[in-house]
Amino acid sequence: MQKRLTCRVTGRVQLVMFRDFVTREARSLGIKGTVKNNPDGSVSIVAEGEEVVLHAFLELIGKGPILARVDKVTGDWEEPLGGYKNFDILY
């Protein structure tokens, strides 16, 4: 079943290749959506795909790349809206 996951990640997640990590993992899993840095130092992610795949993606986000430190991941599950062709970094 297709779902939409909207999450916010806090910790040391900027300037440590976190967005690049999220993008690579999402693309490898066939997930569509976006990732962006927020002014408060957190990262926002919108991901759409199969629910079981999104759960695996969420676990990967919680670990992050080697230089990152993920303190907290908060997420909301919704029905997908579509409209994404790829998984992209927003600047």
PDB file of N, CA and C in Angstrom:
ATOM      1  N   MET A   1       0.840  -1.168   0.000  1.00  0.00           N
ATOM      2  CA  MET A   1       0.000   0.000   0.000  1.00  0.00           C
ATOM      3  C   MET A   1       0.892   1.241   0.000  1.00  0.00           C
ATOM      4  N   GLN A   2       0.577   2.176  -0.866  1.00  0.00           N
ATOM      5  CA  GLN A   2       1.329   3.423  -0.965  1.00  0.00           C
ATOM      6  C   GLN A   2       0.995   4.344   0.205  1.00  0.00           C
ATOM      7  N   LYS A   3       2.042   4.965   0.756  1.00  0.00           N
ATOM      8  CA  LYS A   3       1.884   5.901   1.867  1.00  0.00           C
ATOM      9  C   LYS A   3       2.796   7.100   1.660  1.00  0.00           C
ATOM     10  N   ARG A   4       2.552   8.124   2.461  1.00  0.00           N
ATOM     11  CA  ARG A   4       3.390   9.322   2.495  1.00  0.00           C
ATOM     12  C   ARG A   4       3.909   9.471   3.919  1.00  0.00           C
ATOM     13  N   LEU A   5       5.213   9.634   4.050  1.00  0.00           N
ATOM     14  CA  LEU A   5       5.861   9.840   5.337  1.00  0.00           C
ATOM     15  C   LEU A   5       6.478  11.236   5.334  1.00  0.00           C
ATOM     16  N   THR A   6       6.055  12.046   6.289  1.00  0.00           N
ATOM     17  CA  THR A   6       6.628  13.381   6.460  1.00  0.00           C
ATOM     18  C   THR A   6       7.353  13.378   7.795  1.00  0.00           C
ATOM     19  N   CYS A   7       8.657  13.639   7.783  1.00  0.00           N
ATOM     20  CA  CYS A   7       9.385  13.606   9.050  1.00  0.00           C
ATOM     21  C   CYS A   7      10.354  14.764   9.206  1.00  0.00           C
ATOM     22  N   ARG A   8      10.704  14.960  10.461  1.00  0.00           N
ATOM     23  CA  ARG A   8      11.677  15.982  10.866  1.00  0.00           C
ATOM     24  C   ARG A   8      12.753  15.270  11.669  1.00  0.00           C
ATOM     25  N   VAL A   9      14.001  15.519  11.310  1.00  0.00           N
ATOM     26  CA  VAL A   9      15.132  14.857  11.948  1.00  0.00           C
ATOM     27  C   VAL A   9      15.965  15.916  12.658  1.00  0.00           C
ATOM     28  N   THR A  10      16.269  15.669  13.941  1.00  0.00           N
ATOM     29  CA  THR A  10      17.098  16.600  14.706  1.00  0.00           C
ATOM     30  C   THR A  10      18.362  15.900  15.184  1.00  0.00           C
ATOM     31  N   GLY A  11      19.354  16.702  15.506  1.00  0.00           N
ATOM     32  CA  GLY A  11      20.662  16.207  15.934  1.00  0.00           C
ATOM     33  C   GLY A  11      21.727  16.925  15.125  1.00  0.00           C
ATOM     34  N   ARG A  12      22.858  16.280  14.930  1.00  0.00           N
ATOM     35  CA  ARG A  12      23.896  16.846  14.055  1.00  0.00           C
ATOM     36  C   ARG A  12      23.623  16.285  12.660  1.00  0.00           C
ATOM     37  N   VAL A  13      22.731  16.963  11.940  1.00  0.00           N
ATOM     38  CA  VAL A  13      22.274  16.455  10.645  1.00  0.00           C
ATOM     39  C   VAL A  13      22.485  17.445   9.505  1.00  0.00           C
ATOM     40  N   GLN A  14      23.142  18.552   9.794  1.00  0.00           N
ATOM     41  CA  GLN A  14      23.514  19.479   8.729  1.00  0.00           C
ATOM     42  C   GLN A  14      25.039  19.553   8.672  1.00  0.00           C
ATOM     43  N   LEU A  15      25.552  19.737   7.464  1.00  0.00           N
ATOM     44  CA  LEU A  15      26.994  19.803   7.192  1.00  0.00           C
ATOM     45  C   LEU A  15      27.701  18.473   7.430  1.00  0.00           C
ATOM     46  N   VAL A  16      26.954  17.368   7.363  1.00  0.00           N
ATOM     47  CA  VAL A  16      27.538  16.024   7.546  1.00  0.00           C
ATOM     48  C   VAL A  16      27.074  15.082   6.438  1.00  0.00           C
ATOM     49  N   MET A  17      26.652  15.640   5.304  1.00  0.00           N
ATOM     50  CA  MET A  17      26.200  14.852   4.148  1.00  0.00           C
ATOM     51  C   MET A  17      24.894  14.087   4.421  1.00  0.00           C
ATOM     52  N   PHE A  18      24.088  14.587   5.355  1.00  0.00           N
ATOM     53  CA  PHE A  18      22.851  13.886   5.701  1.00  0.00           C
ATOM     54  C   PHE A  18      21.855  13.892   4.541  1.00  0.00           C
ATOM     55  N   ARG A  19      21.661  15.049   3.908  1.00  0.00           N
ATOM     56  CA  ARG A  19      20.714  15.116   2.788  1.00  0.00           C
ATOM     57  C   ARG A  19      21.143  14.203   1.644  1.00  0.00           C
ATOM     58  N   ASP A  20      22.442  14.167   1.369  1.00  0.00           N
ATOM     59  CA  ASP A  20      22.957  13.294   0.322  1.00  0.00           C
ATOM     60  C   ASP A  20      22.707  11.824   0.677  1.00  0.00           C
ATOM     61  N   PHE A  21      22.945  11.465   1.935  1.00  0.00           N
ATOM     62  CA  PHE A  21      22.694  10.105   2.419  1.00  0.00           C
ATOM     63  C   PHE A  21      21.214   9.732   2.235  1.00  0.00           C
ATOM     64  N   VAL A  22      20.328  10.624   2.664  1.00  0.00           N
ATOM     65  CA  VAL A  22      18.886  10.366   2.559  1.00  0.00           C
ATOM     66  C   VAL A  22      18.489  10.197   1.090  1.00  0.00           C
ATOM     67  N   THR A  23      19.015  11.044   0.229  1.00  0.00           N
ATOM     68  CA  THR A  23      18.688  10.974  -1.199  1.00  0.00           C
ATOM     69  C   THR A  23      19.153   9.662  -1.809  1.00  0.00           C
ATOM     70  N   ARG A  24      20.386   9.260  -1.528  1.00  0.00           N
ATOM     71  CA  ARG A  24      20.899   7.990  -2.068  1.00  0.00           C
ATOM     72  C   ARG A  24      20.062   6.806  -1.605  1.00  0.00           C
ATOM     73  N   GLU A  25      19.739   6.770  -0.302  1.00  0.00           N
ATOM     74  CA  GLU A  25      18.966   5.658   0.240  1.00  0.00           C
ATOM     75  C   GLU A  25      17.556   5.631  -0.352  1.00  0.00           C
ATOM     76  N   ALA A  26      16.925   6.795  -0.455  1.00  0.00           N
ATOM     77  CA  ALA A  26      15.573   6.864  -1.018  1.00  0.00           C
ATOM     78  C   ALA A  26      15.562   6.383  -2.464  1.00  0.00           C
ATOM     79  N   ARG A  27      16.498   6.856  -3.244  1.00  0.00           N
ATOM     80  CA  ARG A  27      16.549   6.450  -4.658  1.00  0.00           C
ATOM     81  C   ARG A  27      16.804   4.953  -4.796  1.00  0.00           C
ATOM     82  N   SER A  28      17.663   4.405  -3.948  1.00  0.00           N
ATOM     83  CA  SER A  28      17.948   2.970  -4.039  1.00  0.00           C
ATOM     84  C   SER A  28      16.734   2.128  -3.669  1.00  0.00           C
ATOM     85  N   LEU A  29      15.831   2.687  -2.857  1.00  0.00           N
ATOM     86  CA  LEU A  29      14.618   1.974  -2.450  1.00  0.00           C
ATOM     87  C   LEU A  29      13.417   2.293  -3.343  1.00  0.00           C
ATOM     88  N   GLY A  30      13.589   3.171  -4.317  1.00  0.00           N
ATOM     89  CA  GLY A  30      12.497   3.530  -5.213  1.00  0.00           C
ATOM     90  C   GLY A  30      11.495   4.497  -4.602  1.00  0.00           C
ATOM     91  N   ILE A  31      11.933   5.253  -3.599  1.00  0.00           N
ATOM     92  CA  ILE A  31      11.071   6.215  -2.917  1.00  0.00           C
ATOM     93  C   ILE A  31      11.154   7.560  -3.639  1.00  0.00           C
ATOM     94  N   LYS A  32      10.033   8.245  -3.728  1.00  0.00           N
ATOM     95  CA  LYS A  32       9.959   9.576  -4.331  1.00  0.00           C
ATOM     96  C   LYS A  32       9.731  10.610  -3.236  1.00  0.00           C
ATOM     97  N   GLY A  33      10.222  11.845  -3.441  1.00  0.00           N
ATOM     98  CA  GLY A  33       9.985  12.894  -2.456  1.00  0.00           C
ATOM     99  C   GLY A  33      11.096  13.920  -2.420  1.00  0.00           C
ATOM    100  N   THR A  34      11.273  14.525  -1.219  1.00  0.00           N
ATOM    101  CA  THR A  34      12.258  15.594  -1.066  1.00  0.00           C
ATOM    102  C   THR A  34      12.893  15.555   0.327  1.00  0.00           C
ATOM    103  N   VAL A  35      14.054  16.194   0.417  1.00  0.00           N
ATOM    104  CA  VAL A  35      14.737  16.410   1.691  1.00  0.00           C
ATOM    105  C   VAL A  35      15.288  17.821   1.677  1.00  0.00           C
ATOM    106  N   LYS A  36      15.215  18.517   2.826  1.00  0.00           N
ATOM    107  CA  LYS A  36      15.744  19.880   2.883  1.00  0.00           C
ATOM    108  C   LYS A  36      16.210  20.217   4.293  1.00  0.00           C
ATOM    109  N   ASN A  37      17.190  21.124   4.363  1.00  0.00           N
ATOM    110  CA  ASN A  37      17.641  21.674   5.636  1.00  0.00           C
ATOM    111  C   ASN A  37      16.657  22.736   6.096  1.00  0.00           C
ATOM    112  N   ASN A  38      16.452  22.819   7.395  1.00  0.00           N
ATOM    113  CA  ASN A  38      15.613  23.852   7.986  1.00  0.00           C
ATOM    114  C   ASN A  38      16.494  24.863   8.715  1.00  0.00           C
ATOM    115  N   PRO A  39      16.034  26.106   8.845  1.00  0.00           N
ATOM    116  CA  PRO A  39      16.822  27.144   9.525  1.00  0.00           C
ATOM    117  C   PRO A  39      17.182  26.794  10.973  1.00  0.00           C
ATOM    118  N   ASP A  40      16.392  25.946  11.637  1.00  0.00           N
ATOM    119  CA  ASP A  40      16.663  25.603  13.035  1.00  0.00           C
ATOM    120  C   ASP A  40      17.691  24.486  13.195  1.00  0.00           C
ATOM    121  N   GLY A  41      18.285  24.022  12.089  1.00  0.00           N
ATOM    122  CA  GLY A  41      19.296  22.969  12.156  1.00  0.00           C
ATOM    123  C   GLY A  41      18.754  21.570  11.941  1.00  0.00           C
ATOM    124  N   SER A  42      17.453  21.428  11.827  1.00  0.00           N
ATOM    125  CA  SER A  42      16.849  20.119  11.570  1.00  0.00           C
ATOM    126  C   SER A  42      16.758  19.880  10.061  1.00  0.00           C
ATOM    127  N   VAL A  43      16.320  18.690   9.703  1.00  0.00           N
ATOM    128  CA  VAL A  43      16.126  18.321   8.307  1.00  0.00           C
ATOM    129  C   VAL A  43      14.702  17.810   8.147  1.00  0.00           C
ATOM    130  N   SER A  44      14.027  18.248   7.078  1.00  0.00           N
ATOM    131  CA  SER A  44      12.672  17.779   6.776  1.00  0.00           C
ATOM    132  C   SER A  44      12.704  16.841   5.587  1.00  0.00           C
ATOM    133  N   ILE A  45      11.920  15.771   5.676  1.00  0.00           N
ATOM    134  CA  ILE A  45      11.847  14.772   4.614  1.00  0.00           C
ATOM    135  C   ILE A  45      10.385  14.499   4.301  1.00  0.00           C
ATOM    136  N   VAL A  46      10.057  14.459   3.021  1.00  0.00           N
ATOM    137  CA  VAL A  46       8.759  13.992   2.552  1.00  0.00           C
ATOM    138  C   VAL A  46       9.054  12.828   1.628  1.00  0.00           C
ATOM    139  N   ALA A  47       8.503  11.658   1.945  1.00  0.00           N
ATOM    140  CA  ALA A  47       8.790  10.454   1.172  1.00  0.00           C
ATOM    141  C   ALA A  47       7.502   9.723   0.852  1.00  0.00           C
ATOM    142  N   GLU A  48       7.377   9.271  -0.387  1.00  0.00           N
ATOM    143  CA  GLU A  48       6.216   8.498  -0.803  1.00  0.00           C
ATOM    144  C   GLU A  48       6.680   7.191  -1.441  1.00  0.00           C
ATOM    145  N   GLY A  49       5.991   6.114  -1.071  1.00  0.00           N
ATOM    146  CA  GLY A  49       6.310   4.805  -1.607  1.00  0.00           C
ATOM    147  C   GLY A  49       5.515   3.739  -0.890  1.00  0.00           C
ATOM    148  N   GLU A  50       5.908   2.500  -1.098  1.00  0.00           N
ATOM    149  CA  GLU A  50       5.257   1.382  -0.421  1.00  0.00           C
ATOM    150  C   GLU A  50       5.514   1.486   1.080  1.00  0.00           C
ATOM    151  N   GLU A  51       4.482   1.244   1.869  1.00  0.00           N
ATOM    152  CA  GLU A  51       4.593   1.415   3.320  1.00  0.00           C
ATOM    153  C   GLU A  51       5.721   0.583   3.923  1.00  0.00           C
ATOM    154  N   VAL A  52       5.857  -0.662   3.509  1.00  0.00           N
ATOM    155  CA  VAL A  52       6.908  -1.520   4.069  1.00  0.00           C
ATOM    156  C   VAL A  52       8.294  -0.967   3.739  1.00  0.00           C
ATOM    157  N   VAL A  53       8.451  -0.404   2.557  1.00  0.00           N
ATOM    158  CA  VAL A  53       9.728   0.189   2.146  1.00  0.00           C
ATOM    159  C   VAL A  53       9.991   1.466   2.951  1.00  0.00           C
ATOM    160  N   LEU A  54       8.947   2.248   3.193  1.00  0.00           N
ATOM    161  CA  LEU A  54       9.106   3.468   3.976  1.00  0.00           C
ATOM    162  C   LEU A  54       9.517   3.159   5.422  1.00  0.00           C
ATOM    163  N   HIS A  55       9.044   2.042   5.973  1.00  0.00           N
ATOM    164  CA  HIS A  55       9.473   1.654   7.315  1.00  0.00           C
ATOM    165  C   HIS A  55      10.974   1.343   7.331  1.00  0.00           C
ATOM    166  N   ALA A  56      11.463   0.658   6.307  1.00  0.00           N
ATOM    167  CA  ALA A  56      12.901   0.373   6.202  1.00  0.00           C
ATOM    168  C   ALA A  56      13.688   1.680   6.047  1.00  0.00           C
ATOM    169  N   PHE A  57      13.160   2.593   5.253  1.00  0.00           N
ATOM    170  CA  PHE A  57      13.776   3.905   5.041  1.00  0.00           C
ATOM    171  C   PHE A  57      13.863   4.675   6.355  1.00  0.00           C
ATOM    172  N   LEU A  58      12.804   4.619   7.133  1.00  0.00           N
ATOM    173  CA  LEU A  58      12.762   5.297   8.428  1.00  0.00           C
ATOM    174  C   LEU A  58      13.853   4.775   9.365  1.00  0.00           C
ATOM    175  N   GLU A  59      14.096   3.485   9.337  1.00  0.00           N
ATOM    176  CA  GLU A  59      15.182   2.909  10.146  1.00  0.00           C
ATOM    177  C   GLU A  59      16.532   3.444   9.702  1.00  0.00           C
ATOM    178  N   LEU A  60      16.743   3.545   8.399  1.00  0.00           N
ATOM    179  CA  LEU A  60      18.004   4.080   7.873  1.00  0.00           C
ATOM    180  C   LEU A  60      18.191   5.541   8.276  1.00  0.00           C
ATOM    181  N   ILE A  61      17.121   6.309   8.207  1.00  0.00           N
ATOM    182  CA  ILE A  61      17.179   7.723   8.600  1.00  0.00           C
ATOM    183  C   ILE A  61      17.602   7.836  10.064  1.00  0.00           C
ATOM    184  N   GLY A  62      17.071   6.971  10.894  1.00  0.00           N
ATOM    185  CA  GLY A  62      17.386   6.992  12.322  1.00  0.00           C
ATOM    186  C   GLY A  62      18.848   6.714  12.630  1.00  0.00           C
ATOM    187  N   LYS A  63      19.528   6.053  11.725  1.00  0.00           N
ATOM    188  CA  LYS A  63      20.962   5.782  11.903  1.00  0.00           C
ATOM    189  C   LYS A  63      21.805   6.895  11.284  1.00  0.00           C
ATOM    190  N   GLY A  64      21.413   7.349  10.092  1.00  0.00           N
ATOM    191  CA  GLY A  64      22.137   8.409   9.400  1.00  0.00           C
ATOM    192  C   GLY A  64      23.502   7.965   8.915  1.00  0.00           C
ATOM    193  N   PRO A  65      24.214   8.857   8.217  1.00  0.00           N
ATOM    194  CA  PRO A  65      25.569   8.552   7.761  1.00  0.00           C
ATOM    195  C   PRO A  65      26.552   8.605   8.925  1.00  0.00           C
ATOM    196  N   ILE A  66      27.758   8.185   8.685  1.00  0.00           N
ATOM    197  CA  ILE A  66      28.754   8.012   9.746  1.00  0.00           C
ATOM    198  C   ILE A  66      29.067   9.301  10.514  1.00  0.00           C
ATOM    199  N   LEU A  67      29.070  10.455   9.861  1.00  0.00           N
ATOM    200  CA  LEU A  67      29.423  11.704  10.542  1.00  0.00           C
ATOM    201  C   LEU A  67      28.245  12.360  11.261  1.00  0.00           C
ATOM    202  N   ALA A  68      27.041  11.862  11.009  1.00  0.00           N
ATOM    203  CA  ALA A  68      25.848  12.460  11.614  1.00  0.00           C
ATOM    204  C   ALA A  68      25.577  11.872  12.995  1.00  0.00           C
ATOM    205  N   ARG A  69      24.763  12.607  13.756  1.00  0.00           N
ATOM    206  CA  ARG A  69      24.239  12.099  15.020  1.00  0.00           C
ATOM    207  C   ARG A  69      22.745  12.424  15.028  1.00  0.00           C
ATOM    208  N   VAL A  70      21.934  11.390  14.872  1.00  0.00           N
ATOM    209  CA  VAL A  70      20.492  11.584  14.857  1.00  0.00           C
ATOM    210  C   VAL A  70      19.987  11.465  16.291  1.00  0.00           C
ATOM    211  N   ASP A  71      19.404  12.560  16.794  1.00  0.00           N
ATOM    212  CA  ASP A  71      18.852  12.563  18.148  1.00  0.00           C
ATOM    213  C   ASP A  71      17.394  12.129  18.158  1.00  0.00           C
ATOM    214  N   LYS A  72      16.644  12.598  17.163  1.00  0.00           N
ATOM    215  CA  LYS A  72      15.210  12.311  17.164  1.00  0.00           C
ATOM    216  C   LYS A  72      14.655  12.374  15.745  1.00  0.00           C
ATOM    217  N   VAL A  73      13.742  11.453  15.455  1.00  0.00           N
ATOM    218  CA  VAL A  73      13.007  11.473  14.192  1.00  0.00           C
ATOM    219  C   VAL A  73      11.525  11.466  14.535  1.00  0.00           C
ATOM    220  N   THR A  74      10.807  12.496  14.111  1.00  0.00           N
ATOM    221  CA  THR A  74       9.359  12.530  14.298  1.00  0.00           C
ATOM    222  C   THR A  74       8.727  12.412  12.925  1.00  0.00           C
ATOM    223  N   GLY A  75       7.667  11.635  12.825  1.00  0.00           N
ATOM    224  CA  GLY A  75       7.048  11.425  11.526  1.00  0.00           C
ATOM    225  C   GLY A  75       5.549  11.319  11.583  1.00  0.00           C
ATOM    226  N   ASP A  76       4.933  11.656  10.475  1.00  0.00           N
ATOM    227  CA  ASP A  76       3.490  11.535  10.301  1.00  0.00           C
ATOM    228  C   ASP A  76       3.224  10.703   9.051  1.00  0.00           C
ATOM    229  N   TRP A  77       2.278   9.802   9.156  1.00  0.00           N
ATOM    230  CA  TRP A  77       1.878   8.955   8.034  1.00  0.00           C
ATOM    231  C   TRP A  77       0.587   9.503   7.446  1.00  0.00           C
ATOM    232  N   GLU A  78       0.545   9.596   6.123  1.00  0.00           N
ATOM    233  CA  GLU A  78      -0.621  10.123   5.432  1.00  0.00           C
ATOM    234  C   GLU A  78      -0.831   9.358   4.130  1.00  0.00           C
ATOM    235  N   GLU A  79      -1.910   9.687   3.476  1.00  0.00           N
ATOM    236  CA  GLU A  79      -2.144   9.149   2.141  1.00  0.00           C
ATOM    237  C   GLU A  79      -1.247   9.904   1.162  1.00  0.00           C
ATOM    238  N   PRO A  80      -0.691   9.223   0.163  1.00  0.00           N
ATOM    239  CA  PRO A  80       0.202   9.900  -0.779  1.00  0.00           C
ATOM    240  C   PRO A  80      -0.551  10.899  -1.651  1.00  0.00           C
ATOM    241  N   LEU A  81       0.133  11.983  -1.992  1.00  0.00           N
ATOM    242  CA  LEU A  81      -0.439  12.995  -2.867  1.00  0.00           C
ATOM    243  C   LEU A  81       0.061  12.852  -4.296  1.00  0.00           C
ATOM    244  N   GLY A  82       1.182  12.116  -4.460  1.00  0.00           N
ATOM    245  CA  GLY A  82       1.770  11.972  -5.786  1.00  0.00           C
ATOM    246  C   GLY A  82       2.457  13.262  -6.207  1.00  0.00           C
ATOM    247  N   GLY A  83       2.793  13.336  -7.455  1.00  0.00           N
ATOM    248  CA  GLY A  83       3.412  14.551  -7.975  1.00  0.00           C
ATOM    249  C   GLY A  83       4.929  14.548  -7.948  1.00  0.00           C
ATOM    250  N   TYR A  84       5.532  13.576  -7.284  1.00  0.00           N
ATOM    251  CA  TYR A  84       7.001  13.494  -7.262  1.00  0.00           C
ATOM    252  C   TYR A  84       7.464  12.543  -8.360  1.00  0.00           C
ATOM    253  N   LYS A  85       8.470  12.980  -9.109  1.00  0.00           N
ATOM    254  CA  LYS A  85       9.034  12.123 -10.153  1.00  0.00           C
ATOM    255  C   LYS A  85      10.275  11.393  -9.663  1.00  0.00           C
ATOM    256  N   ASN A  86      10.994  12.011  -8.735  1.00  0.00           N
ATOM    257  CA  ASN A  86      12.254  11.491  -8.205  1.00  0.00           C
ATOM    258  C   ASN A  86      12.317  11.798  -6.724  1.00  0.00           C
ATOM    259  N   PHE A  87      13.472  11.548  -6.137  1.00  0.00           N
ATOM    260  CA  PHE A  87      13.753  12.021  -4.789  1.00  0.00           C
ATOM    261  C   PHE A  87      14.828  13.074  -4.926  1.00  0.00           C
ATOM    262  N   ASP A  88      14.525  14.289  -4.477  1.00  0.00           N
ATOM    263  CA  ASP A  88      15.420  15.422  -4.721  1.00  0.00           C
ATOM    264  C   ASP A  88      15.745  16.198  -3.444  1.00  0.00           C
ATOM    265  N   ILE A  89      16.902  16.847  -3.473  1.00  0.00           N
ATOM    266  CA  ILE A  89      17.297  17.764  -2.412  1.00  0.00           C
ATOM    267  C   ILE A  89      16.743  19.139  -2.762  1.00  0.00           C
ATOM    268  N   LEU A  90      16.063  19.755  -1.804  1.00  0.00           N
ATOM    269  CA  LEU A  90      15.587  21.130  -1.983  1.00  0.00           C
ATOM    270  C   LEU A  90      16.591  22.085  -1.334  1.00  0.00           C
ATOM    271  N   TYR A  91      16.921  23.156  -2.030  1.00  0.00           N
ATOM    272  CA  TYR A  91      17.884  24.121  -1.517  1.00  0.00           C
ATOM    273  C   TYR A  91      17.193  25.403  -1.135  1.00  0.00           C
TER     274      TYR A  91
END
